[in-house]
PDB file of all heavy atoms in Angstrom:
ATOM      1  N   VAL A   1     -12.888 -11.571  -3.243  1.00  0.00           N
ATOM      2  CA  VAL A   1     -12.684 -11.130  -1.811  1.00  0.00           C
ATOM      3  C   VAL A   1     -11.294 -10.596  -1.510  1.00  0.00           C
ATOM      4  O   VAL A   1     -10.967 -10.105  -0.382  1.00  0.00           O
ATOM      5  CB  VAL A   1     -13.067 -12.270  -0.825  1.00  0.00           C
ATOM      6  CG1 VAL A   1     -14.488 -12.674  -1.023  1.00  0.00           C
ATOM      7  CG2 VAL A   1     -12.069 -13.412  -1.016  1.00  0.00           C
ATOM      8  N   GLY A   2     -10.331 -10.667  -2.496  1.00  0.00           N
ATOM      9  CA  GLY A   2      -8.998 -10.192  -2.330  1.00  0.00           C
ATOM     10  C   GLY A   2      -8.182 -10.371  -3.565  1.00  0.00           C
ATOM     11  O   GLY A   2      -8.728 -10.931  -4.519  1.00  0.00           O
ATOM     12  N   PHE A   3      -6.958  -9.901  -3.575  1.00  0.00           N
ATOM     13  CA  PHE A   3      -6.109 -10.226  -4.708  1.00  0.00           C
ATOM     14  C   PHE A   3      -4.650 -10.352  -4.199  1.00  0.00           C
ATOM     15  O   PHE A   3      -4.342 -10.002  -3.020  1.00  0.00           O
ATOM     16  CB  PHE A   3      -6.170  -9.127  -5.771  1.00  0.00           C
ATOM     17  CG  PHE A   3      -5.547  -7.822  -5.417  1.00  0.00           C
ATOM     18  CD1 PHE A   3      -4.320  -7.482  -5.892  1.00  0.00           C
ATOM     19  CD2 PHE A   3      -6.284  -6.845  -4.716  1.00  0.00           C
ATOM     20  CE1 PHE A   3      -3.726  -6.235  -5.559  1.00  0.00           C
ATOM     21  CE2 PHE A   3      -5.708  -5.640  -4.340  1.00  0.00           C
ATOM     22  CZ  PHE A   3      -4.427  -5.365  -4.755  1.00  0.00           C
ATOM     23  N   ARG A   4      -3.825 -10.898  -5.085  1.00  0.00           N
ATOM     24  CA  ARG A   4      -2.405 -11.242  -4.703  1.00  0.00           C
ATOM     25  C   ARG A   4      -1.490 -10.957  -5.796  1.00  0.00           C
ATOM     26  O   ARG A   4      -1.570 -11.588  -6.842  1.00  0.00           O
ATOM     27  CB  ARG A   4      -2.348 -12.652  -4.215  1.00  0.00           C
ATOM     28  CG  ARG A   4      -0.907 -13.159  -3.808  1.00  0.00           C
ATOM     29  CD  ARG A   4      -0.843 -14.457  -3.234  1.00  0.00           C
ATOM     30  NE  ARG A   4      -0.738 -15.474  -4.354  1.00  0.00           N
ATOM     31  CZ  ARG A   4      -0.263 -16.692  -4.108  1.00  0.00           C
ATOM     32  NH1 ARG A   4       0.163 -16.978  -2.911  1.00  0.00           N
ATOM     33  NH2 ARG A   4      -0.195 -17.572  -5.042  1.00  0.00           N
ATOM     34  N   PRO A   5      -0.552 -10.043  -5.634  1.00  0.00           N
ATOM     35  CA  PRO A   5       0.563  -9.905  -6.628  1.00  0.00           C
ATOM     36  C   PRO A   5       1.604 -11.082  -6.355  1.00  0.00           C
ATOM     37  O   PRO A   5       1.801 -11.396  -5.174  1.00  0.00           O
ATOM     38  CB  PRO A   5       1.166  -8.514  -6.283  1.00  0.00           C
ATOM     39  CG  PRO A   5       0.806  -8.336  -4.823  1.00  0.00           C
ATOM     40  CD  PRO A   5      -0.463  -9.059  -4.633  1.00  0.00           C
ATOM     41  N   MET A   6       2.136 -11.516  -7.391  1.00  0.00           N
ATOM     42  CA  MET A   6       3.158 -12.716  -7.217  1.00  0.00           C
ATOM     43  C   MET A   6       4.507 -12.146  -6.860  1.00  0.00           C
ATOM     44  O   MET A   6       5.465 -12.156  -7.641  1.00  0.00           O
ATOM     45  CB  MET A   6       3.089 -13.570  -8.419  1.00  0.00           C
ATOM     46  CG  MET A   6       1.745 -14.243  -8.694  1.00  0.00           C
ATOM     47  SD  MET A   6       1.665 -15.406 -10.100  1.00  0.00           S
ATOM     48  CE  MET A   6       2.411 -16.927  -9.382  1.00  0.00           C
ATOM     49  N   LEU A   7       4.624 -11.625  -5.652  1.00  0.00           N
ATOM     50  CA  LEU A   7       5.911 -10.865  -5.263  1.00  0.00           C
ATOM     51  C   LEU A   7       7.117 -11.749  -5.281  1.00  0.00           C
ATOM     52  O   LEU A   7       8.163 -11.164  -5.517  1.00  0.00           O
ATOM     53  CB  LEU A   7       5.689 -10.267  -3.850  1.00  0.00           C
ATOM     54  CG  LEU A   7       4.636  -9.181  -3.732  1.00  0.00           C
ATOM     55  CD1 LEU A   7       4.356  -8.800  -2.287  1.00  0.00           C
ATOM     56  CD2 LEU A   7       5.079  -7.912  -4.494  1.00  0.00           C
ATOM     57  N   GLN A   8       7.008 -13.035  -4.982  1.00  0.00           N
ATOM     58  CA  GLN A   8       8.243 -13.866  -4.977  1.00  0.00           C
ATOM     59  C   GLN A   8       8.883 -14.005  -6.360  1.00  0.00           C
ATOM     60  O   GLN A   8      10.025 -14.360  -6.473  1.00  0.00           O
ATOM     61  CB  GLN A   8       7.885 -15.251  -4.387  1.00  0.00           C
ATOM     62  CG  GLN A   8       7.055 -16.086  -5.280  1.00  0.00           C
ATOM     63  CD  GLN A   8       6.904 -17.517  -4.682  1.00  0.00           C
ATOM     64  OE1 GLN A   8       6.984 -17.701  -3.512  1.00  0.00           O
ATOM     65  NE2 GLN A   8       6.683 -18.524  -5.562  1.00  0.00           N
ATOM     66  N   ASP A   9       8.101 -13.678  -7.422  1.00  0.00           N
ATOM     67  CA  ASP A   9       8.621 -13.756  -8.780  1.00  0.00           C
ATOM     68  C   ASP A   9       9.062 -12.379  -9.305  1.00  0.00           C
ATOM     69  O   ASP A   9       9.481 -12.259 -10.456  1.00  0.00           O
ATOM     70  CB  ASP A   9       7.602 -14.339  -9.704  1.00  0.00           C
ATOM     71  CG  ASP A   9       7.251 -15.771  -9.254  1.00  0.00           C
ATOM     72  OD1 ASP A   9       8.175 -16.525  -8.778  1.00  0.00           O
ATOM     73  OD2 ASP A   9       6.116 -16.197  -9.456  1.00  0.00           O
ATOM     74  N   LEU A  10       8.910 -11.326  -8.521  1.00  0.00           N
ATOM     75  CA  LEU A  10       9.235  -9.983  -8.946  1.00  0.00           C
ATOM     76  C   LEU A  10      10.480  -9.526  -8.302  1.00  0.00           C
ATOM     77  O   LEU A  10      10.975 -10.038  -7.285  1.00  0.00           O
ATOM     78  CB  LEU A  10       8.059  -9.060  -8.574  1.00  0.00           C
ATOM     79  CG  LEU A  10       6.699  -9.399  -9.246  1.00  0.00           C
ATOM     80  CD1 LEU A  10       5.545  -8.605  -8.657  1.00  0.00           C
ATOM     81  CD2 LEU A  10       6.835  -9.122 -10.723  1.00  0.00           C
ATOM     82  N   PRO A  11      11.134  -8.540  -8.982  1.00  0.00           N
ATOM     83  CA  PRO A  11      12.385  -7.990  -8.402  1.00  0.00           C
ATOM     84  C   PRO A  11      12.278  -7.443  -7.018  1.00  0.00           C
ATOM     85  O   PRO A  11      11.257  -6.864  -6.636  1.00  0.00           O
ATOM     86  CB  PRO A  11      12.798  -6.854  -9.383  1.00  0.00           C
ATOM     87  CG  PRO A  11      12.049  -7.129 -10.595  1.00  0.00           C
ATOM     88  CD  PRO A  11      10.743  -7.802 -10.163  1.00  0.00           C
ATOM     89  N   ASP A  12      13.287  -7.581  -6.163  1.00  0.00           N
ATOM     90  CA  ASP A  12      13.281  -6.941  -4.847  1.00  0.00           C
ATOM     91  C   ASP A  12      13.055  -5.440  -5.053  1.00  0.00           C
ATOM     92  O   ASP A  12      13.610  -4.797  -5.908  1.00  0.00           O
ATOM     93  CB  ASP A  12      14.640  -7.173  -4.195  1.00  0.00           C
ATOM     94  CG  ASP A  12      14.861  -8.644  -3.839  1.00  0.00           C
ATOM     95  OD1 ASP A  12      13.915  -9.452  -4.065  1.00  0.00           O
ATOM     96  OD2 ASP A  12      15.921  -8.947  -3.218  1.00  0.00           O
ATOM     97  N   GLY A  13      12.293  -4.863  -4.153  1.00  0.00           N
ATOM     98  CA  GLY A  13      11.980  -3.395  -4.119  1.00  0.00           C
ATOM     99  C   GLY A  13      10.807  -3.083  -5.042  1.00  0.00           C
ATOM    100  O   GLY A  13      10.341  -1.887  -5.086  1.00  0.00           O
ATOM    101  N   TRP A  14      10.241  -4.054  -5.832  1.00  0.00           N
ATOM    102  CA  TRP A  14       9.165  -3.743  -6.769  1.00  0.00           C
ATOM    103  C   TRP A  14       7.959  -3.140  -6.001  1.00  0.00           C
ATOM    104  O   TRP A  14       7.387  -2.209  -6.555  1.00  0.00           O
ATOM    105  CB  TRP A  14       8.725  -5.130  -7.407  1.00  0.00           C
ATOM    106  CG  TRP A  14       7.571  -4.942  -8.429  1.00  0.00           C
ATOM    107  CD1 TRP A  14       7.646  -4.706  -9.736  1.00  0.00           C
ATOM    108  CD2 TRP A  14       6.200  -5.038  -8.058  1.00  0.00           C
ATOM    109  NE1 TRP A  14       6.386  -4.687 -10.206  1.00  0.00           N
ATOM    110  CE2 TRP A  14       5.422  -4.899  -9.254  1.00  0.00           C
ATOM    111  CE3 TRP A  14       5.519  -5.328  -6.895  1.00  0.00           C
ATOM    112  CZ2 TRP A  14       4.019  -4.979  -9.313  1.00  0.00           C
ATOM    113  CZ3 TRP A  14       4.022  -5.328  -6.900  1.00  0.00           C
ATOM    114  CH2 TRP A  14       3.391  -5.198  -8.157  1.00  0.00           C
ATOM    115  N   ILE A  15       7.684  -3.601  -4.820  1.00  0.00           N
ATOM    116  CA  ILE A  15       6.489  -3.109  -4.133  1.00  0.00           C
ATOM    117  C   ILE A  15       6.590  -1.713  -3.680  1.00  0.00           C
ATOM    118  O   ILE A  15       5.591  -1.011  -3.304  1.00  0.00           O
ATOM    119  CB  ILE A  15       6.096  -4.044  -2.956  1.00  0.00           C
ATOM    120  CG1 ILE A  15       4.700  -3.888  -2.533  1.00  0.00           C
ATOM    121  CG2 ILE A  15       7.077  -3.865  -1.784  1.00  0.00           C
ATOM    122  CD1 ILE A  15       4.100  -4.992  -1.623  1.00  0.00           C
ATOM    123  N   LEU A  16       7.865  -1.176  -3.617  1.00  0.00           N
ATOM    124  CA  LEU A  16       8.096   0.170  -3.214  1.00  0.00           C
ATOM    125  C   LEU A  16       7.935   1.236  -4.308  1.00  0.00           C
ATOM    126  O   LEU A  16       8.146   2.440  -4.050  1.00  0.00           O
ATOM    127  CB  LEU A  16       9.462   0.343  -2.512  1.00  0.00           C
ATOM    128  CG  LEU A  16       9.641  -0.571  -1.252  1.00  0.00           C
ATOM    129  CD1 LEU A  16      11.080  -0.591  -0.797  1.00  0.00           C
ATOM    130  CD2 LEU A  16       8.814  -0.072  -0.159  1.00  0.00           C
ATOM    131  N   GLN A  17       7.788   0.824  -5.538  1.00  0.00           N
ATOM    132  CA  GLN A  17       7.662   1.769  -6.632  1.00  0.00           C
ATOM    133  C   GLN A  17       6.474   2.694  -6.474  1.00  0.00           C
ATOM    134  O   GLN A  17       5.447   2.359  -5.838  1.00  0.00           O
ATOM    135  CB  GLN A  17       7.428   1.006  -7.989  1.00  0.00           C
ATOM    136  CG  GLN A  17       8.690   0.117  -8.331  1.00  0.00           C
ATOM    137  CD  GLN A  17       8.318  -0.677  -9.607  1.00  0.00           C
ATOM    138  OE1 GLN A  17       8.814  -0.296 -10.748  1.00  0.00           O
ATOM    139  NE2 GLN A  17       7.521  -1.704  -9.551  1.00  0.00           N
ATOM    140  N   GLY A  18       6.659   3.908  -7.019  1.00  0.00           N
ATOM    141  CA  GLY A  18       5.611   4.973  -6.813  1.00  0.00           C
ATOM    142  C   GLY A  18       4.188   4.531  -7.278  1.00  0.00           C
ATOM    143  O   GLY A  18       3.270   4.761  -6.437  1.00  0.00           O
ATOM    144  N   ARG A  19       4.028   3.994  -8.387  1.00  0.00           N
ATOM    145  CA  ARG A  19       2.648   3.637  -8.798  1.00  0.00           C
ATOM    146  C   ARG A  19       2.134   2.562  -8.016  1.00  0.00           C
ATOM    147  O   ARG A  19       0.913   2.487  -7.668  1.00  0.00           O
ATOM    148  CB  ARG A  19       2.705   3.273 -10.345  1.00  0.00           C
ATOM    149  CG  ARG A  19       1.319   2.981 -10.925  1.00  0.00           C
ATOM    150  CD  ARG A  19       1.303   3.117 -12.405  1.00  0.00           C
ATOM    151  NE  ARG A  19       2.322   2.254 -13.040  1.00  0.00           N
ATOM    152  CZ  ARG A  19       2.757   2.462 -14.304  1.00  0.00           C
ATOM    153  NH1 ARG A  19       2.212   3.405 -15.067  1.00  0.00           N
ATOM    154  NH2 ARG A  19       3.705   1.678 -14.816  1.00  0.00           N
ATOM    155  N   VAL A  20       2.908   1.546  -7.649  1.00  0.00           N
ATOM    156  CA  VAL A  20       2.467   0.458  -6.782  1.00  0.00           C
ATOM    157  C   VAL A  20       2.005   0.967  -5.411  1.00  0.00           C
ATOM    158  O   VAL A  20       0.970   0.587  -4.926  1.00  0.00           O
ATOM    159  CB  VAL A  20       3.576  -0.598  -6.607  1.00  0.00           C
ATOM    160  CG1 VAL A  20       3.175  -1.670  -5.574  1.00  0.00           C
ATOM    161  CG2 VAL A  20       3.922  -1.256  -7.986  1.00  0.00           C
ATOM    162  N   MET A  21       2.803   1.866  -4.865  1.00  0.00           N
ATOM    163  CA  MET A  21       2.453   2.450  -3.586  1.00  0.00           C
ATOM    164  C   MET A  21       1.152   3.265  -3.642  1.00  0.00           C
ATOM    165  O   MET A  21       0.252   3.226  -2.757  1.00  0.00           O
ATOM    166  CB  MET A  21       3.628   3.270  -3.015  1.00  0.00           C
ATOM    167  CG  MET A  21       4.810   2.524  -2.677  1.00  0.00           C
ATOM    168  SD  MET A  21       4.617   1.567  -1.153  1.00  0.00           S
ATOM    169  CE  MET A  21       4.618   2.868   0.054  1.00  0.00           C
ATOM    170  N   ARG A  22       0.963   4.000  -4.732  1.00  0.00           N
ATOM    171  CA  ARG A  22      -0.268   4.790  -4.889  1.00  0.00           C
ATOM    172  C   ARG A  22      -1.470   3.796  -4.973  1.00  0.00           C
ATOM    173  O   ARG A  22      -2.539   4.095  -4.360  1.00  0.00           O
ATOM    174  CB  ARG A  22      -0.226   5.641  -6.243  1.00  0.00           C
ATOM    175  CG  ARG A  22       0.623   6.803  -6.137  1.00  0.00           C
ATOM    176  CD  ARG A  22       0.420   7.802  -7.223  1.00  0.00           C
ATOM    177  NE  ARG A  22       0.698   7.242  -8.505  1.00  0.00           N
ATOM    178  CZ  ARG A  22       1.831   7.233  -9.164  1.00  0.00           C
ATOM    179  NH1 ARG A  22       2.916   7.742  -8.540  1.00  0.00           N
ATOM    180  NH2 ARG A  22       1.965   6.690 -10.319  1.00  0.00           N
ATOM    181  N   ASN A  23      -1.387   2.718  -5.641  1.00  0.00           N
ATOM    182  CA  ASN A  23      -2.456   1.758  -5.760  1.00  0.00           C
ATOM    183  C   ASN A  23      -2.698   1.045  -4.382  1.00  0.00           C
ATOM    184  O   ASN A  23      -3.877   0.713  -4.083  1.00  0.00           O
ATOM    185  CB  ASN A  23      -2.201   0.802  -6.885  1.00  0.00           C
ATOM    186  CG  ASN A  23      -2.335   1.436  -8.235  1.00  0.00           C
ATOM    187  OD1 ASN A  23      -3.179   2.351  -8.399  1.00  0.00           O
ATOM    188  ND2 ASN A  23      -1.598   1.040  -9.193  1.00  0.00           N
ATOM    189  N   LEU A  24      -1.636   0.782  -3.674  1.00  0.00           N
ATOM    190  CA  LEU A  24      -1.848   0.200  -2.334  1.00  0.00           C
ATOM    191  C   LEU A  24      -2.538   1.147  -1.458  1.00  0.00           C
ATOM    192  O   LEU A  24      -3.416   0.753  -0.570  1.00  0.00           O
ATOM    193  CB  LEU A  24      -0.419  -0.158  -1.755  1.00  0.00           C
ATOM    194  CG  LEU A  24       0.241  -1.384  -2.266  1.00  0.00           C
ATOM    195  CD1 LEU A  24       1.713  -1.557  -1.721  1.00  0.00           C
ATOM    196  CD2 LEU A  24      -0.511  -2.687  -2.061  1.00  0.00           C
ATOM    197  N   ARG A  25      -2.239   2.498  -1.565  1.00  0.00           N
ATOM    198  CA  ARG A  25      -3.037   3.456  -0.729  1.00  0.00           C
ATOM    199  C   ARG A  25      -4.473   3.449  -1.086  1.00  0.00           C
ATOM    200  O   ARG A  25      -5.372   3.630  -0.239  1.00  0.00           O
ATOM    201  CB  ARG A  25      -2.467   4.821  -0.927  1.00  0.00           C
ATOM    202  CG  ARG A  25      -1.079   5.052  -0.315  1.00  0.00           C
ATOM    203  CD  ARG A  25      -0.644   6.493  -0.282  1.00  0.00           C
ATOM    204  NE  ARG A  25       0.672   6.608   0.281  1.00  0.00           N
ATOM    205  CZ  ARG A  25       1.871   6.552  -0.307  1.00  0.00           C
ATOM    206  NH1 ARG A  25       1.822   6.416  -1.650  1.00  0.00           N
ATOM    207  NH2 ARG A  25       2.960   6.659   0.348  1.00  0.00           N
ATOM    208  N   LEU A  26      -4.778   3.316  -2.332  1.00  0.00           N
ATOM    209  CA  LEU A  26      -6.179   3.181  -2.781  1.00  0.00           C
ATOM    210  C   LEU A  26      -6.926   1.972  -2.114  1.00  0.00           C
ATOM    211  O   LEU A  26      -8.004   2.287  -1.515  1.00  0.00           O
ATOM    212  CB  LEU A  26      -6.260   2.994  -4.297  1.00  0.00           C
ATOM    213  CG  LEU A  26      -7.639   2.695  -4.910  1.00  0.00           C
ATOM    214  CD1 LEU A  26      -8.576   3.797  -4.732  1.00  0.00           C
ATOM    215  CD2 LEU A  26      -7.440   2.332  -6.389  1.00  0.00           C
ATOM    216  N   ILE A  27      -6.305   0.811  -2.129  1.00  0.00           N
ATOM    217  CA  ILE A  27      -7.051  -0.270  -1.484  1.00  0.00           C
ATOM    218  C   ILE A  27      -6.992  -0.138   0.073  1.00  0.00           C
ATOM    219  O   ILE A  27      -8.023  -0.592   0.723  1.00  0.00           O
ATOM    220  CB  ILE A  27      -6.457  -1.615  -1.891  1.00  0.00           C
ATOM    221  CG1 ILE A  27      -5.069  -1.855  -1.447  1.00  0.00           C
ATOM    222  CG2 ILE A  27      -6.558  -1.840  -3.396  1.00  0.00           C
ATOM    223  CD1 ILE A  27      -4.631  -3.312  -1.537  1.00  0.00           C
ATOM    224  N   ALA A  28      -6.038   0.521   0.582  1.00  0.00           N
ATOM    225  CA  ALA A  28      -6.019   0.727   2.023  1.00  0.00           C
ATOM    226  C   ALA A  28      -7.147   1.647   2.497  1.00  0.00           C
ATOM    227  O   ALA A  28      -7.801   1.460   3.434  1.00  0.00           O
ATOM    228  CB  ALA A  28      -4.598   1.320   2.467  1.00  0.00           C
ATOM    229  N   GLU A  29      -7.413   2.719   1.679  1.00  0.00           N
ATOM    230  CA  GLU A  29      -8.543   3.581   1.855  1.00  0.00           C
ATOM    231  C   GLU A  29      -9.855   2.830   1.841  1.00  0.00           C
ATOM    232  O   GLU A  29     -10.815   3.223   2.625  1.00  0.00           O
ATOM    233  CB  GLU A  29      -8.502   4.742   0.920  1.00  0.00           C
ATOM    234  CG  GLU A  29      -7.346   5.743   1.121  1.00  0.00           C
ATOM    235  CD  GLU A  29      -7.199   6.710  -0.096  1.00  0.00           C
ATOM    236  OE1 GLU A  29      -8.043   6.690  -0.970  1.00  0.00           O
ATOM    237  OE2 GLU A  29      -6.236   7.465  -0.022  1.00  0.00           O
ATOM    238  N   ASP A  30      -9.980   1.893   0.976  1.00  0.00           N
ATOM    239  CA  ASP A  30     -11.138   1.042   0.822  1.00  0.00           C
ATOM    240  C   ASP A  30     -11.257  -0.021   1.897  1.00  0.00           C
ATOM    241  O   ASP A  30     -12.295  -0.697   2.120  1.00  0.00           O
ATOM    242  CB  ASP A  30     -11.200   0.399  -0.516  1.00  0.00           C
ATOM    243  CG  ASP A  30     -11.761   1.263  -1.591  1.00  0.00           C
ATOM    244  OD1 ASP A  30     -12.148   2.424  -1.260  1.00  0.00           O
ATOM    245  OD2 ASP A  30     -11.774   0.840  -2.782  1.00  0.00           O
ATOM    246  N   GLY A  31     -10.113  -0.262   2.581  1.00  0.00           N
ATOM    247  CA  GLY A  31     -10.103  -1.425   3.547  1.00  0.00           C
ATOM    248  C   GLY A  31     -10.186  -2.784   2.889  1.00  0.00           C
ATOM    249  O   GLY A  31     -10.580  -3.751   3.518  1.00  0.00           O
ATOM    250  N   PHE A  32      -9.767  -2.850   1.611  1.00  0.00           N
ATOM    251  CA  PHE A  32      -9.789  -4.102   0.808  1.00  0.00           C
ATOM    252  C   PHE A  32      -8.616  -4.932   1.132  1.00  0.00           C
ATOM    253  O   PHE A  32      -7.494  -4.449   1.117  1.00  0.00           O
ATOM    254  CB  PHE A  32      -9.929  -3.770  -0.672  1.00  0.00           C
ATOM    255  CG  PHE A  32     -10.404  -4.981  -1.452  1.00  0.00           C
ATOM    256  CD1 PHE A  32     -11.651  -5.417  -1.417  1.00  0.00           C
ATOM    257  CD2 PHE A  32      -9.447  -5.624  -2.293  1.00  0.00           C
ATOM    258  CE1 PHE A  32     -12.085  -6.537  -2.270  1.00  0.00           C
ATOM    259  CE2 PHE A  32      -9.875  -6.701  -3.057  1.00  0.00           C
ATOM    260  CZ  PHE A  32     -11.192  -7.192  -2.988  1.00  0.00           C
ATOM    261  N   PRO A  33      -8.786  -6.283   1.316  1.00  0.00           N
ATOM    262  CA  PRO A  33      -7.623  -7.093   1.724  1.00  0.00           C
ATOM    263  C   PRO A  33      -6.765  -7.480   0.492  1.00  0.00           C
ATOM    264  O   PRO A  33      -7.168  -7.648  -0.610  1.00  0.00           O
ATOM    265  CB  PRO A  33      -8.273  -8.286   2.311  1.00  0.00           C
ATOM    266  CG  PRO A  33      -9.610  -8.366   1.669  1.00  0.00           C
ATOM    267  CD  PRO A  33     -10.051  -7.016   1.390  1.00  0.00           C
ATOM    268  N   ILE A  34      -5.480  -7.693   0.819  1.00  0.00           N
ATOM    269  CA  ILE A  34      -4.471  -8.162  -0.122  1.00  0.00           C
ATOM    270  C   ILE A  34      -3.683  -9.328   0.492  1.00  0.00           C
ATOM    271  O   ILE A  34      -3.401  -9.325   1.730  1.00  0.00           O
ATOM    272  CB  ILE A  34      -3.554  -7.024  -0.582  1.00  0.00           C
ATOM    273  CG1 ILE A  34      -2.533  -7.541  -1.599  1.00  0.00           C
ATOM    274  CG2 ILE A  34      -2.872  -6.427   0.592  1.00  0.00           C
ATOM    275  CD1 ILE A  34      -1.683  -6.361  -2.176  1.00  0.00           C
ATOM    276  N   ASP A  35      -3.398 -10.352  -0.321  1.00  0.00           N
ATOM    277  CA  ASP A  35      -2.539 -11.430   0.084  1.00  0.00           C
ATOM    278  C   ASP A  35      -1.072 -11.091  -0.257  1.00  0.00           C
ATOM    279  O   ASP A  35      -0.920 -10.513  -1.408  1.00  0.00           O
ATOM    280  CB  ASP A  35      -2.963 -12.746  -0.546  1.00  0.00           C
ATOM    281  CG  ASP A  35      -4.001 -13.499   0.269  1.00  0.00           C
ATOM    282  OD1 ASP A  35      -5.050 -12.873   0.604  1.00  0.00           O
ATOM    283  OD2 ASP A  35      -3.714 -14.708   0.520  1.00  0.00           O
TER     284      ASP A  35
END
């Protein structure tokens, strides 16, 4: 029903990387939830 990247263990700014942002857009288009 959802998924979660372990952001607290990743470098600051990790979520802003190009490939990560592209994949976030994919799930946003699907309306799929993320923790």
